[in-house]
């Protein structure tokens, strides 16, 4: 359950998702996560670093091997989310078919 507590925190999964293609600096993460405050960002970065999911590097923050494995596990969830969003859009356009 500790993993669910960590990843269930607001913005944690979004930060990991943004790091999927490579290291990013804190300013870039803030820009990509509209609505994320810098204090919450730094708190999540500390938590994810402490738990071995990300590491601070010369290029910013990047996924560890464990973090990369988690991101691979998130890919099916992302695919489901795309399908869900498309269904929501269709329901908005055709409410009688919902």
PDB file of N, CA and C in Angstrom:
ATOM      1  N   UNK A   1       0.807  -1.198   0.000  1.00  0.00           N
ATOM      2  CA  UNK A   1       0.000   0.000   0.000  1.00  0.00           C
ATOM      3  C   UNK A   1       0.850   1.262   0.000  1.00  0.00           C
ATOM      4  N   UNK A   2       2.097   1.166   0.403  1.00  0.00           N
ATOM      5  CA  UNK A   2       2.953   2.357   0.419  1.00  0.00           C
ATOM      6  C   UNK A   2       3.096   2.929  -0.988  1.00  0.00           C
ATOM      7  N   UNK A   3       3.177   2.058  -1.988  1.00  0.00           N
ATOM      8  CA  UNK A   3       3.295   2.534  -3.364  1.00  0.00           C
ATOM      9  C   UNK A   3       2.026   3.274  -3.778  1.00  0.00           C
ATOM     10  N   UNK A   4       0.866   2.754  -3.405  1.00  0.00           N
ATOM     11  CA  UNK A   4      -0.390   3.424  -3.752  1.00  0.00           C
ATOM     12  C   UNK A   4      -0.472   4.789  -3.071  1.00  0.00           C
ATOM     13  N   UNK A   5       0.016   4.879  -1.844  1.00  0.00           N
ATOM     14  CA  UNK A   5       0.031   6.169  -1.152  1.00  0.00           C
ATOM     15  C   UNK A   5       0.929   7.161  -1.884  1.00  0.00           C
ATOM     16  N   UNK A   6       2.106   6.711  -2.287  1.00  0.00           N
ATOM     17  CA  UNK A   6       3.052   7.588  -2.983  1.00  0.00           C
ATOM     18  C   UNK A   6       2.503   8.031  -4.335  1.00  0.00           C
ATOM     19  N   UNK A   7       2.039   7.088  -5.135  1.00  0.00           N
ATOM     20  CA  UNK A   7       1.597   7.417  -6.486  1.00  0.00           C
ATOM     21  C   UNK A   7       0.196   8.017  -6.524  1.00  0.00           C
ATOM     22  N   UNK A   8      -0.533   7.866  -5.435  1.00  0.00           N
ATOM     23  CA  UNK A   8      -1.855   8.468  -5.350  1.00  0.00           C
ATOM     24  C   UNK A   8      -1.815   9.943  -4.980  1.00  0.00           C
ATOM     25  N   UNK A   9      -0.657  10.427  -4.611  1.00  0.00           N
ATOM     26  CA  UNK A   9      -0.542  11.845  -4.273  1.00  0.00           C
ATOM     27  C   UNK A   9      -0.672  12.682  -5.535  1.00  0.00           C
ATOM     28  N   UNK A  10      -1.317  13.807  -5.356  1.00  0.00           N
ATOM     29  CA  UNK A  10      -1.568  14.678  -6.501  1.00  0.00           C
ATOM     30  C   UNK A  10      -0.264  15.023  -7.216  1.00  0.00           C
ATOM     31  N   UNK A  11      -0.258  14.901  -8.512  1.00  0.00           N
ATOM     32  CA  UNK A  11       0.819  15.254  -9.435  1.00  0.00           C
ATOM     33  C   UNK A  11       1.929  14.207  -9.532  1.00  0.00           C
ATOM     34  N   UNK A  12       1.981  13.222  -8.671  1.00  0.00           N
ATOM     35  CA  UNK A  12       3.094  12.265  -8.692  1.00  0.00           C
ATOM     36  C   UNK A  12       3.164  11.521 -10.032  1.00  0.00           C
ATOM     37  N   UNK A  13       2.040  10.955 -10.460  1.00  0.00           N
ATOM     38  CA  UNK A  13       2.053  10.210 -11.727  1.00  0.00           C
ATOM     39  C   UNK A  13       2.279  11.129 -12.916  1.00  0.00           C
ATOM     40  N   UNK A  14       1.765  12.324 -12.855  1.00  0.00           N
ATOM     41  CA  UNK A  14       1.972  13.271 -13.965  1.00  0.00           C
ATOM     42  C   UNK A  14       3.454  13.612 -14.105  1.00  0.00           C
ATOM     43  N   UNK A  15       4.121  13.816 -12.991  1.00  0.00           N
ATOM     44  CA  UNK A  15       5.561  14.109 -13.023  1.00  0.00           C
ATOM     45  C   UNK A  15       6.309  12.935 -13.650  1.00  0.00           C
ATOM     46  N   UNK A  16       5.973  11.727 -13.222  1.00  0.00           N
ATOM     47  CA  UNK A  16       6.624  10.543 -13.795  1.00  0.00           C
ATOM     48  C   UNK A  16       6.343  10.433 -15.290  1.00  0.00           C
ATOM     49  N   UNK A  17       5.131  10.732 -15.687  1.00  0.00           N
ATOM     50  CA  UNK A  17       4.784  10.663 -17.100  1.00  0.00           C
ATOM     51  C   UNK A  17       5.599  11.658 -17.916  1.00  0.00           C
ATOM     52  N   UNK A  18       5.767  12.845 -17.390  1.00  0.00           N
ATOM     53  CA  UNK A  18       6.538  13.865 -18.108  1.00  0.00           C
ATOM     54  C   UNK A  18       8.010  13.487 -18.230  1.00  0.00           C
ATOM     55  N   UNK A  19       8.506  12.695 -17.306  1.00  0.00           N
ATOM     56  CA  UNK A  19       9.918  12.282 -17.332  1.00  0.00           C
ATOM     57  C   UNK A  19      10.158  11.054 -18.216  1.00  0.00           C
ATOM     58  N   UNK A  20       9.113  10.538 -18.834  1.00  0.00           N
ATOM     59  CA  UNK A  20       9.240   9.284 -19.585  1.00  0.00           C
ATOM     60  C   UNK A  20      10.226   9.358 -20.738  1.00  0.00           C
ATOM     61  N   UNK A  21      10.390  10.516 -21.372  1.00  0.00           N
ATOM     62  CA  UNK A  21      11.258  10.617 -22.547  1.00  0.00           C
ATOM     63  C   UNK A  21      12.680  11.043 -22.203  1.00  0.00           C
ATOM     64  N   UNK A  22      12.915  11.371 -20.941  1.00  0.00           N
ATOM     65  CA  UNK A  22      14.262  11.780 -20.555  1.00  0.00           C
ATOM     66  C   UNK A  22      14.234  12.832 -19.476  1.00  0.00           C
ATOM     67  N   UNK A  23      15.413  13.250 -19.042  1.00  0.00           N
ATOM     68  CA  UNK A  23      15.507  14.191 -17.924  1.00  0.00           C
ATOM     69  C   UNK A  23      14.896  15.560 -18.251  1.00  0.00           C
ATOM     70  N   UNK A  24      14.325  16.150 -17.221  1.00  0.00           N
ATOM     71  CA  UNK A  24      13.768  17.496 -17.327  1.00  0.00           C
ATOM     72  C   UNK A  24      14.113  18.282 -16.076  1.00  0.00           C
ATOM     73  N   UNK A  25      14.286  19.565 -16.250  1.00  0.00           N
ATOM     74  CA  UNK A  25      14.505  20.444 -15.118  1.00  0.00           C
ATOM     75  C   UNK A  25      13.189  20.809 -14.453  1.00  0.00           C
ATOM     76  N   UNK A  26      13.278  21.355 -13.260  1.00  0.00           N
ATOM     77  CA  UNK A  26      12.086  21.715 -12.497  1.00  0.00           C
ATOM     78  C   UNK A  26      11.236  22.755 -13.231  1.00  0.00           C
ATOM     79  N   UNK A  27      11.858  23.728 -13.852  1.00  0.00           N
ATOM     80  CA  UNK A  27      11.085  24.751 -14.579  1.00  0.00           C
ATOM     81  C   UNK A  27      10.300  24.151 -15.739  1.00  0.00           C
ATOM     82  N   UNK A  28      10.902  23.217 -16.432  1.00  0.00           N
ATOM     83  CA  UNK A  28      10.209  22.558 -17.536  1.00  0.00           C
ATOM     84  C   UNK A  28       9.040  21.734 -17.009  1.00  0.00           C
ATOM     85  N   UNK A  29       9.254  21.032 -15.905  1.00  0.00           N
ATOM     86  CA  UNK A  29       8.163  20.270 -15.301  1.00  0.00           C
ATOM     87  C   UNK A  29       7.012  21.186 -14.893  1.00  0.00           C
ATOM     88  N   UNK A  30       7.340  22.310 -14.301  1.00  0.00           N
ATOM     89  CA  UNK A  30       6.293  23.273 -13.920  1.00  0.00           C
ATOM     90  C   UNK A  30       5.510  23.745 -15.143  1.00  0.00           C
ATOM     91  N   UNK A  31       6.216  24.017 -16.225  1.00  0.00           N
ATOM     92  CA  UNK A  31       5.554  24.485 -17.444  1.00  0.00           C
ATOM     93  C   UNK A  31       4.653  23.410 -18.050  1.00  0.00           C
ATOM     94  N   UNK A  32       5.074  22.168 -17.972  1.00  0.00           N
ATOM     95  CA  UNK A  32       4.299  21.074 -18.570  1.00  0.00           C
ATOM     96  C   UNK A  32       3.113  20.654 -17.707  1.00  0.00           C
ATOM     97  N   UNK A  33       3.178  20.957 -16.429  1.00  0.00           N
ATOM     98  CA  UNK A  33       2.118  20.560 -15.498  1.00  0.00           C
ATOM     99  C   UNK A  33       1.354  21.794 -15.051  1.00  0.00           C
ATOM    100  N   UNK A  34       0.554  22.318 -15.943  1.00  0.00           N
ATOM    101  CA  UNK A  34      -0.196  23.544 -15.670  1.00  0.00           C
ATOM    102  C   UNK A  34      -1.031  23.377 -14.399  1.00  0.00           C
ATOM    103  N   UNK A  35      -0.871  24.318 -13.489  1.00  0.00           N
ATOM    104  CA  UNK A  35      -1.610  24.276 -12.231  1.00  0.00           C
ATOM    105  C   UNK A  35      -0.807  23.716 -11.069  1.00  0.00           C
ATOM    106  N   UNK A  36       0.339  23.153 -11.347  1.00  0.00           N
ATOM    107  CA  UNK A  36       1.216  22.613 -10.315  1.00  0.00           C
ATOM    108  C   UNK A  36       2.013  23.747  -9.690  1.00  0.00           C
ATOM    109  N   UNK A  37       1.986  23.840  -8.359  1.00  0.00           N
ATOM    110  CA  UNK A  37       2.770  24.875  -7.693  1.00  0.00           C
ATOM    111  C   UNK A  37       4.200  24.388  -7.492  1.00  0.00           C
ATOM    112  N   UNK A  38       5.106  25.324  -7.377  1.00  0.00           N
ATOM    113  CA  UNK A  38       6.512  24.940  -7.195  1.00  0.00           C
ATOM    114  C   UNK A  38       6.718  24.213  -5.872  1.00  0.00           C
ATOM    115  N   UNK A  39       5.988  24.593  -4.834  1.00  0.00           N
ATOM    116  CA  UNK A  39       6.165  23.914  -3.540  1.00  0.00           C
ATOM    117  C   UNK A  39       5.726  22.456  -3.616  1.00  0.00           C
ATOM    118  N   UNK A  40       4.618  22.189  -4.300  1.00  0.00           N
ATOM    119  CA  UNK A  40       4.163  20.800  -4.454  1.00  0.00           C
ATOM    120  C   UNK A  40       5.121  20.039  -5.359  1.00  0.00           C
ATOM    121  N   UNK A  41       5.595  20.675  -6.424  1.00  0.00           N
ATOM    122  CA  UNK A  41       6.560  20.014  -7.305  1.00  0.00           C
ATOM    123  C   UNK A  41       7.779  19.554  -6.517  1.00  0.00           C
ATOM    124  N   UNK A  42       8.376  20.455  -5.753  1.00  0.00           N
ATOM    125  CA  UNK A  42       9.586  20.087  -5.020  1.00  0.00           C
ATOM    126  C   UNK A  42       9.305  19.040  -3.948  1.00  0.00           C
ATOM    127  N   UNK A  43       8.120  19.076  -3.354  1.00  0.00           N
ATOM    128  CA  UNK A  43       7.760  18.043  -2.381  1.00  0.00           C
ATOM    129  C   UNK A  43       7.668  16.685  -3.072  1.00  0.00           C
ATOM    130  N   UNK A  44       6.996  16.623  -4.227  1.00  0.00           N
ATOM    131  CA  UNK A  44       6.878  15.357  -4.952  1.00  0.00           C
ATOM    132  C   UNK A  44       8.242  14.879  -5.458  1.00  0.00           C
ATOM    133  N   UNK A  45       9.069  15.794  -5.935  1.00  0.00           N
ATOM    134  CA  UNK A  45      10.407  15.396  -6.389  1.00  0.00           C
ATOM    135  C   UNK A  45      11.211  14.787  -5.242  1.00  0.00           C
ATOM    136  N   UNK A  46      11.107  15.379  -4.064  1.00  0.00           N
ATOM    137  CA  UNK A  46      11.801  14.819  -2.889  1.00  0.00           C
ATOM    138  C   UNK A  46      11.281  13.422  -2.564  1.00  0.00           C
ATOM    139  N   UNK A  47       9.957  13.266  -2.563  1.00  0.00           N
ATOM    140  CA  UNK A  47       9.363  11.967  -2.237  1.00  0.00           C
ATOM    141  C   UNK A  47       9.764  10.907  -3.255  1.00  0.00           C
ATOM    142  N   UNK A  48       9.697  11.252  -4.529  1.00  0.00           N
ATOM    143  CA  UNK A  48      10.041  10.294  -5.574  1.00  0.00           C
ATOM    144  C   UNK A  48      11.531   9.955  -5.556  1.00  0.00           C
ATOM    145  N   UNK A  49      12.364  10.928  -5.221  1.00  0.00           N
ATOM    146  CA  UNK A  49      13.804  10.683  -5.110  1.00  0.00           C
ATOM    147  C   UNK A  49      14.096   9.788  -3.909  1.00  0.00           C
ATOM    148  N   UNK A  50      13.506  10.110  -2.779  1.00  0.00           N
ATOM    149  CA  UNK A  50      13.706   9.330  -1.553  1.00  0.00           C
ATOM    150  C   UNK A  50      13.304   7.874  -1.754  1.00  0.00           C
ATOM    151  N   UNK A  51      12.286   7.644  -2.573  1.00  0.00           N
ATOM    152  CA  UNK A  51      11.792   6.288  -2.798  1.00  0.00           C
ATOM    153  C   UNK A  51      12.431   5.585  -3.986  1.00  0.00           C
ATOM    154  N   UNK A  52      13.463   6.192  -4.576  1.00  0.00           N
ATOM    155  CA  UNK A  52      14.221   5.535  -5.631  1.00  0.00           C
ATOM    156  C   UNK A  52      13.538   5.482  -6.985  1.00  0.00           C
ATOM    157  N   UNK A  53      12.546   6.353  -7.207  1.00  0.00           N
ATOM    158  CA  UNK A  53      11.817   6.349  -8.470  1.00  0.00           C
ATOM    159  C   UNK A  53      12.460   7.300  -9.478  1.00  0.00           C
ATOM    160  N   UNK A  54      12.983   8.413  -8.989  1.00  0.00           N
ATOM    161  CA  UNK A  54      13.717   9.354  -9.837  1.00  0.00           C
ATOM    162  C   UNK A  54      15.037   9.690  -9.160  1.00  0.00           C
ATOM    163  N   UNK A  55      15.907  10.326  -9.923  1.00  0.00           N
ATOM    164  CA  UNK A  55      17.208  10.760  -9.413  1.00  0.00           C
ATOM    165  C   UNK A  55      17.500  12.133 -10.008  1.00  0.00           C
ATOM    166  N   UNK A  56      18.212  12.919  -9.251  1.00  0.00           N
ATOM    167  CA  UNK A  56      18.651  14.235  -9.749  1.00  0.00           C
ATOM    168  C   UNK A  56      19.941  14.027 -10.522  1.00  0.00           C
ATOM    169  N   UNK A  57      20.005  14.578 -11.719  1.00  0.00           N
ATOM    170  CA  UNK A  57      21.205  14.453 -12.540  1.00  0.00           C
ATOM    171  C   UNK A  57      21.634  15.829 -13.004  1.00  0.00           C
ATOM    172  N   UNK A  58      22.702  15.885 -13.750  1.00  0.00           N
ATOM    173  CA  UNK A  58      23.183  17.157 -14.288  1.00  0.00           C
ATOM    174  C   UNK A  58      22.167  17.775 -15.244  1.00  0.00           C
ATOM    175  N   UNK A  59      21.318  16.941 -15.838  1.00  0.00           N
ATOM    176  CA  UNK A  59      20.317  17.410 -16.802  1.00  0.00           C
ATOM    177  C   UNK A  59      18.963  17.700 -16.172  1.00  0.00           C
ATOM    178  N   UNK A  60      18.823  17.510 -14.884  1.00  0.00           N
ATOM    179  CA  UNK A  60      17.550  17.725 -14.204  1.00  0.00           C
ATOM    180  C   UNK A  60      17.167  16.501 -13.407  1.00  0.00           C
ATOM    181  N   UNK A  61      15.927  16.108 -13.536  1.00  0.00           N
ATOM    182  CA  UNK A  61      15.429  14.907 -12.868  1.00  0.00           C
ATOM    183  C   UNK A  61      15.152  13.859 -13.926  1.00  0.00           C
ATOM    184  N   UNK A  62      15.465  12.604 -13.584  1.00  0.00           N
ATOM    185  CA  UNK A  62      15.217  11.527 -14.529  1.00  0.00           C
ATOM    186  C   UNK A  62      14.793  10.275 -13.797  1.00  0.00           C
ATOM    187  N   UNK A  63      14.172   9.376 -14.528  1.00  0.00           N
ATOM    188  CA  UNK A  63      13.699   8.128 -13.965  1.00  0.00           C
ATOM    189  C   UNK A  63      14.863   7.191 -13.663  1.00  0.00           C
ATOM    190  N   UNK A  64      14.749   6.468 -12.570  1.00  0.00           N
ATOM    191  CA  UNK A  64      15.665   5.362 -12.292  1.00  0.00           C
ATOM    192  C   UNK A  64      15.141   4.146 -13.062  1.00  0.00           C
ATOM    193  N   UNK A  65      15.805   3.030 -12.937  1.00  0.00           N
ATOM    194  CA  UNK A  65      15.313   1.808 -13.570  1.00  0.00           C
ATOM    195  C   UNK A  65      13.923   1.450 -13.051  1.00  0.00           C
ATOM    196  N   UNK A  66      13.731   1.612 -11.737  1.00  0.00           N
ATOM    197  CA  UNK A  66      12.410   1.349 -11.159  1.00  0.00           C
ATOM    198  C   UNK A  66      11.363   2.313 -11.715  1.00  0.00           C
ATOM    199  N   UNK A  67      11.731   3.567 -11.845  1.00  0.00           N
ATOM    200  CA  UNK A  67      10.812   4.561 -12.389  1.00  0.00           C
ATOM    201  C   UNK A  67      10.448   4.274 -13.834  1.00  0.00           C
ATOM    202  N   UNK A  68      11.428   3.844 -14.621  1.00  0.00           N
ATOM    203  CA  UNK A  68      11.164   3.502 -16.021  1.00  0.00           C
ATOM    204  C   UNK A  68      10.235   2.296 -16.108  1.00  0.00           C
ATOM    205  N   UNK A  69      10.433   1.321 -15.232  1.00  0.00           N
ATOM    206  CA  UNK A  69       9.551   0.148 -15.223  1.00  0.00           C
ATOM    207  C   UNK A  69       8.125   0.561 -14.874  1.00  0.00           C
ATOM    208  N   UNK A  70       7.981   1.482 -13.951  1.00  0.00           N
ATOM    209  CA  UNK A  70       6.653   1.975 -13.598  1.00  0.00           C
ATOM    210  C   UNK A  70       6.020   2.689 -14.785  1.00  0.00           C
ATOM    211  N   UNK A  71       6.789   3.483 -15.495  1.00  0.00           N
ATOM    212  CA  UNK A  71       6.234   4.185 -16.652  1.00  0.00           C
ATOM    213  C   UNK A  71       5.775   3.212 -17.731  1.00  0.00           C
ATOM    214  N   UNK A  72       6.470   2.095 -17.885  1.00  0.00           N
ATOM    215  CA  UNK A  72       6.015   1.075 -18.838  1.00  0.00           C
ATOM    216  C   UNK A  72       4.661   0.521 -18.385  1.00  0.00           C
ATOM    217  N   UNK A  73       4.497   0.387 -17.080  1.00  0.00           N
ATOM    218  CA  UNK A  73       3.225  -0.101 -16.547  1.00  0.00           C
ATOM    219  C   UNK A  73       2.109   0.931 -16.735  1.00  0.00           C
ATOM    220  N   UNK A  74       2.441   2.201 -16.810  1.00  0.00           N
ATOM    221  CA  UNK A  74       1.443   3.254 -16.986  1.00  0.00           C
ATOM    222  C   UNK A  74       0.946   3.376 -18.425  1.00  0.00           C
ATOM    223  N   UNK A  75       1.694   2.857 -19.385  1.00  0.00           N
ATOM    224  CA  UNK A  75       1.312   2.987 -20.795  1.00  0.00           C
ATOM    225  C   UNK A  75      -0.081   2.435 -21.071  1.00  0.00           C
ATOM    226  N   UNK A  76      -0.433   1.239 -20.574  1.00  0.00           N
ATOM    227  CA  UNK A  76      -1.808   0.759 -20.815  1.00  0.00           C
ATOM    228  C   UNK A  76      -2.862   1.679 -20.186  1.00  0.00           C
ATOM    229  N   UNK A  77      -2.574   2.261 -19.048  1.00  0.00           N
ATOM    230  CA  UNK A  77      -3.506   3.202 -18.439  1.00  0.00           C
ATOM    231  C   UNK A  77      -3.686   4.427 -19.328  1.00  0.00           C
ATOM    232  N   UNK A  78      -2.603   4.912 -19.920  1.00  0.00           N
ATOM    233  CA  UNK A  78      -2.693   6.043 -20.842  1.00  0.00           C
ATOM    234  C   UNK A  78      -3.543   5.690 -22.058  1.00  0.00           C
ATOM    235  N   UNK A  79      -3.366   4.490 -22.584  1.00  0.00           N
ATOM    236  CA  UNK A  79      -4.163   4.063 -23.735  1.00  0.00           C
ATOM    237  C   UNK A  79      -5.641   3.983 -23.360  1.00  0.00           C
ATOM    238  N   UNK A  80      -5.939   3.458 -22.170  1.00  0.00           N
ATOM    239  CA  UNK A  80      -7.320   3.413 -21.703  1.00  0.00           C
ATOM    240  C   UNK A  80      -7.881   4.824 -21.563  1.00  0.00           C
ATOM    241  N   UNK A  81      -7.088   5.748 -21.031  1.00  0.00           N
ATOM    242  CA  UNK A  81      -7.540   7.128 -20.824  1.00  0.00           C
ATOM    243  C   UNK A  81      -7.888   7.800 -22.155  1.00  0.00           C
ATOM    244  N   UNK A  82      -7.131   7.505 -23.187  1.00  0.00           N
ATOM    245  CA  UNK A  82      -7.426   8.056 -24.512  1.00  0.00           C
ATOM    246  C   UNK A  82      -8.766   7.525 -25.015  1.00  0.00           C
ATOM    247  N   UNK A  83      -8.981   6.224 -24.869  1.00  0.00           N
ATOM    248  CA  UNK A  83     -10.248   5.613 -25.274  1.00  0.00           C
ATOM    249  C   UNK A  83     -11.407   6.204 -24.471  1.00  0.00           C
ATOM    250  N   UNK A  84     -11.221   6.356 -23.190  1.00  0.00           N
ATOM    251  CA  UNK A  84     -12.253   6.935 -22.321  1.00  0.00           C
ATOM    252  C   UNK A  84     -12.578   8.364 -22.735  1.00  0.00           C
ATOM    253  N   UNK A  85     -11.544   9.173 -23.001  1.00  0.00           N
ATOM    254  CA  UNK A  85     -11.762  10.564 -23.403  1.00  0.00           C
ATOM    255  C   UNK A  85     -12.534  10.635 -24.719  1.00  0.00           C
ATOM    256  N   UNK A  86     -12.219   9.738 -25.639  1.00  0.00           N
ATOM    257  CA  UNK A  86     -12.941   9.711 -26.910  1.00  0.00           C
ATOM    258  C   UNK A  86     -14.405   9.340 -26.693  1.00  0.00           C
ATOM    259  N   UNK A  87     -14.661   8.399 -25.804  1.00  0.00           N
ATOM    260  CA  UNK A  87     -16.040   8.012 -25.501  1.00  0.00           C
ATOM    261  C   UNK A  87     -16.787   9.168 -24.845  1.00  0.00           C
ATOM    262  N   UNK A  88     -16.121   9.894 -23.956  1.00  0.00           N
ATOM    263  CA  UNK A  88     -16.739  11.050 -23.320  1.00  0.00           C
ATOM    264  C   UNK A  88     -17.097  12.109 -24.352  1.00  0.00           C
ATOM    265  N   UNK A  89     -16.190  12.323 -25.289  1.00  0.00           N
ATOM    266  CA  UNK A  89     -16.432  13.306 -26.355  1.00  0.00           C
ATOM    267  C   UNK A  89     -17.631  12.890 -27.196  1.00  0.00           C
ATOM    268  N   UNK A  90     -17.720  11.611 -27.530  1.00  0.00           N
ATOM    269  CA  UNK A  90     -18.862  11.124 -28.315  1.00  0.00           C
ATOM    270  C   UNK A  90     -20.152  11.273 -27.518  1.00  0.00           C
ATOM    271  N   UNK A  91     -20.108  10.996 -26.223  1.00  0.00           N
ATOM    272  CA  UNK A  91     -21.297  11.133 -25.391  1.00  0.00           C
ATOM    273  C   UNK A  91     -21.736  12.595 -25.309  1.00  0.00           C
ATOM    274  N   UNK A  92     -20.768  13.514 -25.284  1.00  0.00           N
ATOM    275  CA  UNK A  92     -21.093  14.933 -25.257  1.00  0.00           C
ATOM    276  C   UNK A  92     -21.760  15.364 -26.565  1.00  0.00           C
ATOM    277  N   UNK A  93     -21.336  14.751 -27.660  1.00  0.00           N
ATOM    278  CA  UNK A  93     -21.887  15.109 -28.981  1.00  0.00           C
ATOM    279  C   UNK A  93     -23.233  14.420 -29.224  1.00  0.00           C
ATOM    280  N   UNK A  94     -23.416  13.221 -28.638  1.00  0.00           N
ATOM    281  CA  UNK A  94     -24.637  12.449 -28.840  1.00  0.00           C
ATOM    282  C   UNK A  94     -25.199  11.991 -27.492  1.00  0.00           C
ATOM    283  N   UNK A  95     -25.752  12.894 -26.689  1.00  0.00           N
ATOM    284  CA  UNK A  95     -26.189  12.517 -25.339  1.00  0.00           C
ATOM    285  C   UNK A  95     -27.268  11.443 -25.333  1.00  0.00           C
ATOM    286  N   UNK A  96     -28.056  11.317 -26.383  1.00  0.00           N
ATOM    287  CA  UNK A  96     -29.105  10.289 -26.419  1.00  0.00           C
ATOM    288  C   UNK A  96     -28.537   8.895 -26.500  1.00  0.00           C
ATOM    289  N   UNK A  97     -27.287   8.749 -26.976  1.00  0.00           N
ATOM    290  CA  UNK A  97     -26.651   7.437 -27.112  1.00  0.00           C
ATOM    291  C   UNK A  97     -25.880   7.020 -25.874  1.00  0.00           C
ATOM    292  N   UNK A  98     -25.775   7.899 -24.888  1.00  0.00           N
ATOM    293  CA  UNK A  98     -24.987   7.603 -23.685  1.00  0.00           C
ATOM    294  C   UNK A  98     -25.665   6.576 -22.812  1.00  0.00           C
TER     295      UNK A  98
END
